[in-house]
Amino acid sequence: MGLKTQKNDAGVDKFLATITDKQRHTDCLAVLKLMKELTGEPAVMWGKTIVGLGSFHYRGKTSEGDWFHVSFSSRKQNLVLYLHCELEEQADLLEKLGKHKI
């Protein structure tokens, strides 16, 4: 059985237009701009609510599939960032970030 979250042709702009909170919408646009600049990749939808940039293929002992390098999603309570990296090695930067979860 594959992952439910798959890359698709849904429009990123269409998804962003559904974000009604003005500050959250502004924040999402800023994150999108930053991620585009840093990755050089186009933004595509993954599932219904995740905007992802870049992708890679992985193969584990029990699963295989494609996944994004970086992405974000506007959830009910938070703006969520998904980063494919070793954040534990960046403890000093994470302290500056403020309240967050890993």
PDB file of N, CA and C in Angstrom:
ATOM      1  N   MET A   1       0.843  -1.187   0.000  1.00  0.00           N
ATOM      2  CA  MET A   1       0.000   0.000   0.000  1.00  0.00           C
ATOM      3  C   MET A   1       0.882   1.241   0.000  1.00  0.00           C
ATOM      4  N   GLY A   2       0.619   2.184  -0.900  1.00  0.00           N
ATOM      5  CA  GLY A   2       1.421   3.390  -1.009  1.00  0.00           C
ATOM      6  C   GLY A   2       0.968   4.486  -0.065  1.00  0.00           C
ATOM      7  N   LEU A   3       1.745   5.530  -0.039  1.00  0.00           N
ATOM      8  CA  LEU A   3       1.402   6.689   0.775  1.00  0.00           C
ATOM      9  C   LEU A   3       0.141   7.366   0.253  1.00  0.00           C
ATOM     10  N   LYS A   4      -0.666   7.889   1.165  1.00  0.00           N
ATOM     11  CA  LYS A   4      -1.854   8.635   0.748  1.00  0.00           C
ATOM     12  C   LYS A   4      -1.467   9.984   0.155  1.00  0.00           C
ATOM     13  N   THR A   5      -0.401  10.578   0.666  1.00  0.00           N
ATOM     14  CA  THR A   5       0.022  11.895   0.200  1.00  0.00           C
ATOM     15  C   THR A   5       0.889  11.736  -1.040  1.00  0.00           C
ATOM     16  N   GLN A   6       0.346  12.129  -2.179  1.00  0.00           N
ATOM     17  CA  GLN A   6       1.029  11.997  -3.462  1.00  0.00           C
ATOM     18  C   GLN A   6       1.088  13.348  -4.168  1.00  0.00           C
ATOM     19  N   LYS A   7       2.145  13.523  -4.965  1.00  0.00           N
ATOM     20  CA  LYS A   7       2.247  14.714  -5.799  1.00  0.00           C
ATOM     21  C   LYS A   7       1.097  14.692  -6.796  1.00  0.00           C
ATOM     22  N   ASN A   8       0.499  15.871  -7.051  1.00  0.00           N
ATOM     23  CA  ASN A   8      -0.631  15.922  -7.977  1.00  0.00           C
ATOM     24  C   ASN A   8      -0.641  17.239  -8.735  1.00  0.00           C
ATOM     25  N   ASP A   9      -1.611  17.392  -9.613  1.00  0.00           N
ATOM     26  CA  ASP A   9      -1.698  18.574 -10.470  1.00  0.00           C
ATOM     27  C   ASP A   9      -2.603  19.668  -9.921  1.00  0.00           C
ATOM     28  N   ALA A  10      -3.052  19.541  -8.682  1.00  0.00           N
ATOM     29  CA  ALA A  10      -3.894  20.590  -8.095  1.00  0.00           C
ATOM     30  C   ALA A  10      -3.086  21.891  -8.045  1.00  0.00           C
ATOM     31  N   GLY A  11      -3.763  22.993  -8.166  1.00  0.00           N
ATOM     32  CA  GLY A  11      -3.088  24.279  -8.219  1.00  0.00           C
ATOM     33  C   GLY A  11      -2.657  24.803  -6.857  1.00  0.00           C
ATOM     34  N   VAL A  12      -1.379  25.176  -6.756  1.00  0.00           N
ATOM     35  CA  VAL A  12      -0.871  25.773  -5.519  1.00  0.00           C
ATOM     36  C   VAL A  12      -1.592  27.084  -5.245  1.00  0.00           C
ATOM     37  N   ASP A  13      -1.743  27.927  -6.266  1.00  0.00           N
ATOM     38  CA  ASP A  13      -2.435  29.209  -6.080  1.00  0.00           C
ATOM     39  C   ASP A  13      -3.870  29.006  -5.614  1.00  0.00           C
ATOM     40  N   LYS A  14      -4.519  27.990  -6.152  1.00  0.00           N
ATOM     41  CA  LYS A  14      -5.901  27.696  -5.751  1.00  0.00           C
ATOM     42  C   LYS A  14      -5.952  27.313  -4.273  1.00  0.00           C
ATOM     43  N   PHE A  15      -4.998  26.482  -3.822  1.00  0.00           N
ATOM     44  CA  PHE A  15      -4.946  26.112  -2.414  1.00  0.00           C
ATOM     45  C   PHE A  15      -4.685  27.339  -1.544  1.00  0.00           C
ATOM     46  N   LEU A  16      -3.704  28.150  -1.923  1.00  0.00           N
ATOM     47  CA  LEU A  16      -3.373  29.330  -1.118  1.00  0.00           C
ATOM     48  C   LEU A  16      -4.549  30.296  -1.031  1.00  0.00           C
ATOM     49  N   ALA A  17      -5.366  30.351  -2.070  1.00  0.00           N
ATOM     50  CA  ALA A  17      -6.535  31.237  -2.066  1.00  0.00           C
ATOM     51  C   ALA A  17      -7.585  30.800  -1.051  1.00  0.00           C
ATOM     52  N   THR A  18      -7.520  29.562  -0.596  1.00  0.00           N
ATOM     53  CA  THR A  18      -8.496  29.082   0.393  1.00  0.00           C
ATOM     54  C   THR A  18      -8.135  29.491   1.819  1.00  0.00           C
ATOM     55  N   ILE A  19      -6.945  30.042   2.016  1.00  0.00           N
ATOM     56  CA  ILE A  19      -6.507  30.453   3.358  1.00  0.00           C
ATOM     57  C   ILE A  19      -7.118  31.815   3.655  1.00  0.00           C
ATOM     58  N   THR A  20      -8.088  31.839   4.550  1.00  0.00           N
ATOM     59  CA  THR A  20      -8.861  33.058   4.801  1.00  0.00           C
ATOM     60  C   THR A  20      -8.222  33.999   5.820  1.00  0.00           C
ATOM     61  N   ASP A  21      -7.404  33.471   6.716  1.00  0.00           N
ATOM     62  CA  ASP A  21      -6.725  34.322   7.691  1.00  0.00           C
ATOM     63  C   ASP A  21      -5.648  35.130   6.959  1.00  0.00           C
ATOM     64  N   LYS A  22      -5.769  36.465   6.989  1.00  0.00           N
ATOM     65  CA  LYS A  22      -4.869  37.313   6.201  1.00  0.00           C
ATOM     66  C   LYS A  22      -3.410  37.152   6.605  1.00  0.00           C
ATOM     67  N   GLN A  23      -3.138  37.095   7.911  1.00  0.00           N
ATOM     68  CA  GLN A  23      -1.751  36.945   8.355  1.00  0.00           C
ATOM     69  C   GLN A  23      -1.191  35.588   7.942  1.00  0.00           C
ATOM     70  N   ARG A  24      -1.984  34.544   8.089  1.00  0.00           N
ATOM     71  CA  ARG A  24      -1.526  33.206   7.697  1.00  0.00           C
ATOM     72  C   ARG A  24      -1.267  33.162   6.190  1.00  0.00           C
ATOM     73  N   HIS A  25      -2.138  33.778   5.415  1.00  0.00           N
ATOM     74  CA  HIS A  25      -1.963  33.822   3.960  1.00  0.00           C
ATOM     75  C   HIS A  25      -0.661  34.538   3.601  1.00  0.00           C
ATOM     76  N   THR A  26      -0.425  35.674   4.243  1.00  0.00           N
ATOM     77  CA  THR A  26       0.813  36.422   4.018  1.00  0.00           C
ATOM     78  C   THR A  26       2.029  35.588   4.400  1.00  0.00           C
ATOM     79  N   ASP A  27       1.948  34.901   5.532  1.00  0.00           N
ATOM     80  CA  ASP A  27       3.047  34.045   5.982  1.00  0.00           C
ATOM     81  C   ASP A  27       3.314  32.922   4.981  1.00  0.00           C
ATOM     82  N   CYS A  28       2.255  32.309   4.460  1.00  0.00           N
ATOM     83  CA  CYS A  28       2.415  31.225   3.485  1.00  0.00           C
ATOM     84  C   CYS A  28       3.082  31.725   2.213  1.00  0.00           C
ATOM     85  N   LEU A  29       2.698  32.904   1.763  1.00  0.00           N
ATOM     86  CA  LEU A  29       3.327  33.467   0.567  1.00  0.00           C
ATOM     87  C   LEU A  29       4.807  33.734   0.809  1.00  0.00           C
ATOM     88  N   ALA A  30       5.153  34.216   2.004  1.00  0.00           N
ATOM     89  CA  ALA A  30       6.556  34.476   2.337  1.00  0.00           C
ATOM     90  C   ALA A  30       7.355  33.173   2.397  1.00  0.00           C
ATOM     91  N   VAL A  31       6.783  32.139   3.004  1.00  0.00           N
ATOM     92  CA  VAL A  31       7.456  30.838   3.078  1.00  0.00           C
ATOM     93  C   VAL A  31       7.628  30.260   1.676  1.00  0.00           C
ATOM     94  N   LEU A  32       6.603  30.364   0.851  1.00  0.00           N
ATOM     95  CA  LEU A  32       6.681  29.861  -0.518  1.00  0.00           C
ATOM     96  C   LEU A  32       7.801  30.562  -1.284  1.00  0.00           C
ATOM     97  N   LYS A  33       7.869  31.874  -1.179  1.00  0.00           N
ATOM     98  CA  LYS A  33       8.912  32.635  -1.871  1.00  0.00           C
ATOM     99  C   LYS A  33      10.296  32.195  -1.398  1.00  0.00           C
ATOM    100  N   LEU A  34      10.474  32.071  -0.096  1.00  0.00           N
ATOM    101  CA  LEU A  34      11.762  31.663   0.456  1.00  0.00           C
ATOM    102  C   LEU A  34      12.145  30.258  -0.004  1.00  0.00           C
ATOM    103  N   MET A  35      11.200  29.326   0.049  1.00  0.00           N
ATOM    104  CA  MET A  35      11.492  27.953  -0.363  1.00  0.00           C
ATOM    105  C   MET A  35      11.830  27.875  -1.844  1.00  0.00           C
ATOM    106  N   LYS A  36      11.151  28.665  -2.674  1.00  0.00           N
ATOM    107  CA  LYS A  36      11.465  28.688  -4.108  1.00  0.00           C
ATOM    108  C   LYS A  36      12.876  29.212  -4.337  1.00  0.00           C
ATOM    109  N   GLU A  37      13.235  30.290  -3.618  1.00  0.00           N
ATOM    110  CA  GLU A  37      14.565  30.874  -3.766  1.00  0.00           C
ATOM    111  C   GLU A  37      15.650  29.900  -3.319  1.00  0.00           C
ATOM    112  N   LEU A  38      15.418  29.201  -2.222  1.00  0.00           N
ATOM    113  CA  LEU A  38      16.426  28.303  -1.666  1.00  0.00           C
ATOM    114  C   LEU A  38      16.575  27.004  -2.451  1.00  0.00           C
ATOM    115  N   THR A  39      15.480  26.493  -2.991  1.00  0.00           N
ATOM    116  CA  THR A  39      15.543  25.202  -3.684  1.00  0.00           C
ATOM    117  C   THR A  39      15.697  25.334  -5.191  1.00  0.00           C
ATOM    118  N   GLY A  40      15.220  26.436  -5.760  1.00  0.00           N
ATOM    119  CA  GLY A  40      15.208  26.574  -7.211  1.00  0.00           C
ATOM    120  C   GLY A  40      14.202  25.651  -7.873  1.00  0.00           C
ATOM    121  N   GLU A  41      13.290  25.104  -7.085  1.00  0.00           N
ATOM    122  CA  GLU A  41      12.302  24.143  -7.579  1.00  0.00           C
ATOM    123  C   GLU A  41      10.914  24.780  -7.641  1.00  0.00           C
ATOM    124  N   PRO A  42      10.068  24.320  -8.553  1.00  0.00           N
ATOM    125  CA  PRO A  42       8.688  24.803  -8.581  1.00  0.00           C
ATOM    126  C   PRO A  42       7.881  24.184  -7.441  1.00  0.00           C
ATOM    127  N   ALA A  43       6.856  24.877  -7.031  1.00  0.00           N
ATOM    128  CA  ALA A  43       5.961  24.378  -5.982  1.00  0.00           C
ATOM    129  C   ALA A  43       4.859  23.541  -6.616  1.00  0.00           C
ATOM    130  N   VAL A  44       4.572  22.403  -6.007  1.00  0.00           N
ATOM    131  CA  VAL A  44       3.480  21.536  -6.450  1.00  0.00           C
ATOM    132  C   VAL A  44       2.712  21.058  -5.228  1.00  0.00           C
ATOM    133  N   MET A  45       1.482  20.680  -5.454  1.00  0.00           N
ATOM    134  CA  MET A  45       0.661  20.165  -4.359  1.00  0.00           C
ATOM    135  C   MET A  45       0.974  18.691  -4.126  1.00  0.00           C
ATOM    136  N   TRP A  46       1.009  18.332  -2.846  1.00  0.00           N
ATOM    137  CA  TRP A  46       1.135  16.947  -2.397  1.00  0.00           C
ATOM    138  C   TRP A  46      -0.088  16.698  -1.543  1.00  0.00           C
ATOM    139  N   GLY A  47      -0.952  15.845  -2.000  1.00  0.00           N
ATOM    140  CA  GLY A  47      -2.224  15.679  -1.304  1.00  0.00           C
ATOM    141  C   GLY A  47      -3.061  16.932  -1.501  1.00  0.00           C
ATOM    142  N   LYS A  48      -3.953  17.191  -0.563  1.00  0.00           N
ATOM    143  CA  LYS A  48      -4.868  18.331  -0.693  1.00  0.00           C
ATOM    144  C   LYS A  48      -4.366  19.601  -0.027  1.00  0.00           C
ATOM    145  N   THR A  49      -3.402  19.482   0.921  1.00  0.00           N
ATOM    146  CA  THR A  49      -3.059  20.654   1.729  1.00  0.00           C
ATOM    147  C   THR A  49      -1.568  20.885   1.935  1.00  0.00           C
ATOM    148  N   ILE A  50      -0.707  20.174   1.230  1.00  0.00           N
ATOM    149  CA  ILE A  50       0.735  20.354   1.405  1.00  0.00           C
ATOM    150  C   ILE A  50       1.337  20.901   0.114  1.00  0.00           C
ATOM    151  N   VAL A  51       2.074  22.005   0.236  1.00  0.00           N
ATOM    152  CA  VAL A  51       2.791  22.594  -0.887  1.00  0.00           C
ATOM    153  C   VAL A  51       4.241  22.130  -0.769  1.00  0.00           C
ATOM    154  N   GLY A  52       4.711  21.354  -1.752  1.00  0.00           N
ATOM    155  CA  GLY A  52       6.060  20.797  -1.688  1.00  0.00           C
ATOM    156  C   GLY A  52       6.941  21.297  -2.812  1.00  0.00           C
ATOM    157  N   LEU A  53       8.240  21.337  -2.529  1.00  0.00           N
ATOM    158  CA  LEU A  53       9.225  21.758  -3.527  1.00  0.00           C
ATOM    159  C   LEU A  53      10.340  20.727  -3.580  1.00  0.00           C
ATOM    160  N   GLY A  54      10.683  20.308  -4.794  1.00  0.00           N
ATOM    161  CA  GLY A  54      11.690  19.275  -4.972  1.00  0.00           C
ATOM    162  C   GLY A  54      11.126  17.920  -4.588  1.00  0.00           C
ATOM    163  N   SER A  55      11.801  16.873  -5.016  1.00  0.00           N
ATOM    164  CA  SER A  55      11.363  15.532  -4.630  1.00  0.00           C
ATOM    165  C   SER A  55      12.529  14.564  -4.741  1.00  0.00           C
ATOM    166  N   PHE A  56      12.395  13.454  -4.060  1.00  0.00           N
ATOM    167  CA  PHE A  56      13.394  12.400  -4.116  1.00  0.00           C
ATOM    168  C   PHE A  56      12.691  11.063  -3.970  1.00  0.00           C
ATOM    169  N   HIS A  57      13.352  10.028  -4.439  1.00  0.00           N
ATOM    170  CA  HIS A  57      12.813   8.674  -4.328  1.00  0.00           C
ATOM    171  C   HIS A  57      13.521   7.985  -3.170  1.00  0.00           C
ATOM    172  N   TYR A  58      12.763   7.313  -2.338  1.00  0.00           N
ATOM    173  CA  TYR A  58      13.354   6.583  -1.217  1.00  0.00           C
ATOM    174  C   TYR A  58      12.931   5.123  -1.276  1.00  0.00           C
ATOM    175  N   ARG A  59      13.741   4.287  -0.662  1.00  0.00           N
ATOM    176  CA  ARG A  59      13.429   2.866  -0.565  1.00  0.00           C
ATOM    177  C   ARG A  59      13.878   2.397   0.812  1.00  0.00           C
ATOM    178  N   GLY A  60      12.938   1.914   1.592  1.00  0.00           N
ATOM    179  CA  GLY A  60      13.239   1.375   2.910  1.00  0.00           C
ATOM    180  C   GLY A  60      12.985  -0.119   2.943  1.00  0.00           C
ATOM    181  N   LYS A  61      13.092  -0.691   4.124  1.00  0.00           N
ATOM    182  CA  LYS A  61      12.868  -2.134   4.260  1.00  0.00           C
ATOM    183  C   LYS A  61      11.425  -2.516   3.961  1.00  0.00           C
ATOM    184  N   THR A  62      10.490  -1.640   4.316  1.00  0.00           N
ATOM    185  CA  THR A  62       9.072  -1.982   4.153  1.00  0.00           C
ATOM    186  C   THR A  62       8.305  -1.036   3.243  1.00  0.00           C
ATOM    187  N   SER A  63       8.967   0.002   2.741  1.00  0.00           N
ATOM    188  CA  SER A  63       8.230   0.945   1.896  1.00  0.00           C
ATOM    189  C   SER A  63       9.151   1.585   0.871  1.00  0.00           C
ATOM    190  N   GLU A  64       8.525   2.150  -0.130  1.00  0.00           N
ATOM    191  CA  GLU A  64       9.233   2.833  -1.196  1.00  0.00           C
ATOM    192  C   GLU A  64       8.299   3.886  -1.762  1.00  0.00           C
ATOM    193  N   GLY A  65       8.857   5.015  -2.175  1.00  0.00           N
ATOM    194  CA  GLY A  65       8.012   6.038  -2.762  1.00  0.00           C
ATOM    195  C   GLY A  65       8.775   7.308  -3.060  1.00  0.00           C
ATOM    196  N   ASP A  66       8.022   8.334  -3.387  1.00  0.00           N
ATOM    197  CA  ASP A  66       8.573   9.657  -3.656  1.00  0.00           C
ATOM    198  C   ASP A  66       8.105  10.598  -2.562  1.00  0.00           C
ATOM    199  N   TRP A  67       8.946  11.573  -2.239  1.00  0.00           N
ATOM    200  CA  TRP A  67       8.619  12.531  -1.188  1.00  0.00           C
ATOM    201  C   TRP A  67       9.249  13.863  -1.530  1.00  0.00           C
ATOM    202  N   PHE A  68       8.799  14.921  -0.914  1.00  0.00           N
ATOM    203  CA  PHE A  68       9.307  16.267  -1.176  1.00  0.00           C
ATOM    204  C   PHE A  68      10.553  16.548  -0.332  1.00  0.00           C
ATOM    205  N   HIS A  69      11.372  17.493  -0.810  1.00  0.00           N
ATOM    206  CA  HIS A  69      12.529  17.926  -0.009  1.00  0.00           C
ATOM    207  C   HIS A  69      12.080  18.876   1.094  1.00  0.00           C
ATOM    208  N   VAL A  70      11.310  19.878   0.739  1.00  0.00           N
ATOM    209  CA  VAL A  70      10.763  20.824   1.718  1.00  0.00           C
ATOM    210  C   VAL A  70       9.313  21.097   1.358  1.00  0.00           C
ATOM    211  N   SER A  71       8.534  21.439   2.363  1.00  0.00           N
ATOM    212  CA  SER A  71       7.133  21.767   2.092  1.00  0.00           C
ATOM    213  C   SER A  71       6.547  22.513   3.277  1.00  0.00           C
ATOM    214  N   PHE A  72       5.327  22.986   3.080  1.00  0.00           N
ATOM    215  CA  PHE A  72       4.596  23.630   4.163  1.00  0.00           C
ATOM    216  C   PHE A  72       3.113  23.381   3.979  1.00  0.00           C
ATOM    217  N   SER A  73       2.381  23.586   5.059  1.00  0.00           N
ATOM    218  CA  SER A  73       0.933  23.459   5.014  1.00  0.00           C
ATOM    219  C   SER A  73       0.319  24.376   6.054  1.00  0.00           C
ATOM    220  N   SER A  74      -0.774  24.999   5.699  1.00  0.00           N
ATOM    221  CA  SER A  74      -1.523  25.818   6.642  1.00  0.00           C
ATOM    222  C   SER A  74      -2.548  24.915   7.309  1.00  0.00           C
ATOM    223  N   ARG A  75      -2.290  24.573   8.551  1.00  0.00           N
ATOM    224  CA  ARG A  75      -3.196  23.726   9.327  1.00  0.00           C
ATOM    225  C   ARG A  75      -4.109  24.604  10.172  1.00  0.00           C
ATOM    226  N   LYS A  76      -5.045  23.993  10.853  1.00  0.00           N
ATOM    227  CA  LYS A  76      -6.017  24.739  11.650  1.00  0.00           C
ATOM    228  C   LYS A  76      -5.338  25.655  12.671  1.00  0.00           C
ATOM    229  N   GLN A  77      -4.370  25.128  13.398  1.00  0.00           N
ATOM    230  CA  GLN A  77      -3.725  25.883  14.473  1.00  0.00           C
ATOM    231  C   GLN A  77      -2.392  26.513  14.080  1.00  0.00           C
ATOM    232  N   ASN A  78      -1.693  25.946  13.107  1.00  0.00           N
ATOM    233  CA  ASN A  78      -0.314  26.353  12.840  1.00  0.00           C
ATOM    234  C   ASN A  78       0.028  26.345  11.359  1.00  0.00           C
ATOM    235  N   LEU A  79       1.063  27.076  11.038  1.00  0.00           N
ATOM    236  CA  LEU A  79       1.717  26.951   9.748  1.00  0.00           C
ATOM    237  C   LEU A  79       2.815  25.912   9.957  1.00  0.00           C
ATOM    238  N   VAL A  80       2.738  24.796   9.241  1.00  0.00           N
ATOM    239  CA  VAL A  80       3.644  23.673   9.462  1.00  0.00           C
ATOM    240  C   VAL A  80       4.680  23.621   8.342  1.00  0.00           C
ATOM    241  N   LEU A  81       5.958  23.509   8.730  1.00  0.00           N
ATOM    242  CA  LEU A  81       7.045  23.340   7.771  1.00  0.00           C
ATOM    243  C   LEU A  81       7.535  21.905   7.847  1.00  0.00           C
ATOM    244  N   TYR A  82       7.729  21.282   6.694  1.00  0.00           N
ATOM    245  CA  TYR A  82       8.285  19.936   6.614  1.00  0.00           C
ATOM    246  C   TYR A  82       9.645  20.062   5.933  1.00  0.00           C
ATOM    247  N   LEU A  83      10.696  19.676   6.643  1.00  0.00           N
ATOM    248  CA  LEU A  83      12.053  19.823   6.127  1.00  0.00           C
ATOM    249  C   LEU A  83      12.757  18.473   6.147  1.00  0.00           C
ATOM    250  N   HIS A  84      13.353  18.111   5.042  1.00  0.00           N
ATOM    251  CA  HIS A  84      14.095  16.854   4.954  1.00  0.00           C
ATOM    252  C   HIS A  84      15.564  17.175   5.231  1.00  0.00           C
ATOM    253  N   CYS A  85      15.931  17.185   6.513  1.00  0.00           N
ATOM    254  CA  CYS A  85      17.304  17.497   6.897  1.00  0.00           C
ATOM    255  C   CYS A  85      17.553  17.052   8.334  1.00  0.00           C
ATOM    256  N   GLU A  86      18.779  17.175   8.771  1.00  0.00           N
ATOM    257  CA  GLU A  86      19.165  16.798  10.131  1.00  0.00           C
ATOM    258  C   GLU A  86      19.061  18.024  11.035  1.00  0.00           C
ATOM    259  N   LEU A  87      17.893  18.286  11.568  1.00  0.00           N
ATOM    260  CA  LEU A  87      17.688  19.471  12.390  1.00  0.00           C
ATOM    261  C   LEU A  87      18.402  19.406  13.728  1.00  0.00           C
ATOM    262  N   GLU A  88      18.635  18.209  14.231  1.00  0.00           N
ATOM    263  CA  GLU A  88      19.303  18.085  15.522  1.00  0.00           C
ATOM    264  C   GLU A  88      20.681  18.739  15.490  1.00  0.00           C
ATOM    265  N   GLU A  89      21.301  18.758  14.324  1.00  0.00           N
ATOM    266  CA  GLU A  89      22.622  19.369  14.175  1.00  0.00           C
ATOM    267  C   GLU A  89      22.542  20.891  14.128  1.00  0.00           C
ATOM    268  N   GLN A  90      21.348  21.433  14.084  1.00  0.00           N
ATOM    269  CA  GLN A  90      21.152  22.875  13.991  1.00  0.00           C
ATOM    270  C   GLN A  90      20.528  23.442  15.261  1.00  0.00           C
ATOM    271  N   ALA A  91      20.889  22.904  16.410  1.00  0.00           N
ATOM    272  CA  ALA A  91      20.267  23.287  17.681  1.00  0.00           C
ATOM    273  C   ALA A  91      20.343  24.787  17.933  1.00  0.00           C
ATOM    274  N   ASP A  92      21.466  25.419  17.589  1.00  0.00           N
ATOM    275  CA  ASP A  92      21.599  26.853  17.837  1.00  0.00           C
ATOM    276  C   ASP A  92      20.602  27.661  17.008  1.00  0.00           C
ATOM    277  N   LEU A  93      20.375  27.245  15.776  1.00  0.00           N
ATOM    278  CA  LEU A  93      19.397  27.938  14.937  1.00  0.00           C
ATOM    279  C   LEU A  93      17.972  27.686  15.415  1.00  0.00           C
ATOM    280  N   LEU A  94      17.705  26.477  15.869  1.00  0.00           N
ATOM    281  CA  LEU A  94      16.366  26.148  16.352  1.00  0.00           C
ATOM    282  C   LEU A  94      16.000  26.963  17.587  1.00  0.00           C
ATOM    283  N   GLU A  95      16.972  27.249  18.446  1.00  0.00           N
ATOM    284  CA  GLU A  95      16.701  28.074  19.620  1.00  0.00           C
ATOM    285  C   GLU A  95      16.236  29.464  19.203  1.00  0.00           C
ATOM    286  N   LYS A  96      16.818  30.004  18.142  1.00  0.00           N
ATOM    287  CA  LYS A  96      16.443  31.329  17.647  1.00  0.00           C
ATOM    288  C   LYS A  96      15.060  31.325  17.002  1.00  0.00           C
ATOM    289  N   LEU A  97      14.638  30.160  16.532  1.00  0.00           N
ATOM    290  CA  LEU A  97      13.351  30.042  15.852  1.00  0.00           C
ATOM    291  C   LEU A  97      12.185  30.325  16.780  1.00  0.00           C
ATOM    292  N   GLY A  98      12.324  29.975  18.030  1.00  0.00           N
ATOM    293  CA  GLY A  98      11.222  30.144  18.976  1.00  0.00           C
ATOM    294  C   GLY A  98      10.440  28.855  19.112  1.00  0.00           C
ATOM    295  N   LYS A  99       9.176  28.982  19.470  1.00  0.00           N
ATOM    296  CA  LYS A  99       8.345  27.812  19.738  1.00  0.00           C
ATOM    297  C   LYS A  99       8.199  26.955  18.481  1.00  0.00           C
ATOM    298  N   HIS A 100       8.530  25.665  18.608  1.00  0.00           N
ATOM    299  CA  HIS A 100       8.453  24.737  17.482  1.00  0.00           C
ATOM    300  C   HIS A 100       8.431  23.307  17.994  1.00  0.00           C
ATOM    301  N   LYS A 101       8.110  22.389  17.098  1.00  0.00           N
ATOM    302  CA  LYS A 101       8.137  20.955  17.392  1.00  0.00           C
ATOM    303  C   LYS A 101       8.966  20.264  16.327  1.00  0.00           C
ATOM    304  N   ILE A 102       9.644  19.203  16.733  1.00  0.00           N
ATOM    305  CA  ILE A 102      10.411  18.394  15.771  1.00  0.00           C
ATOM    306  C   ILE A 102       9.813  17.011  15.748  1.00  0.00           C
TER     307      ILE A 102
END
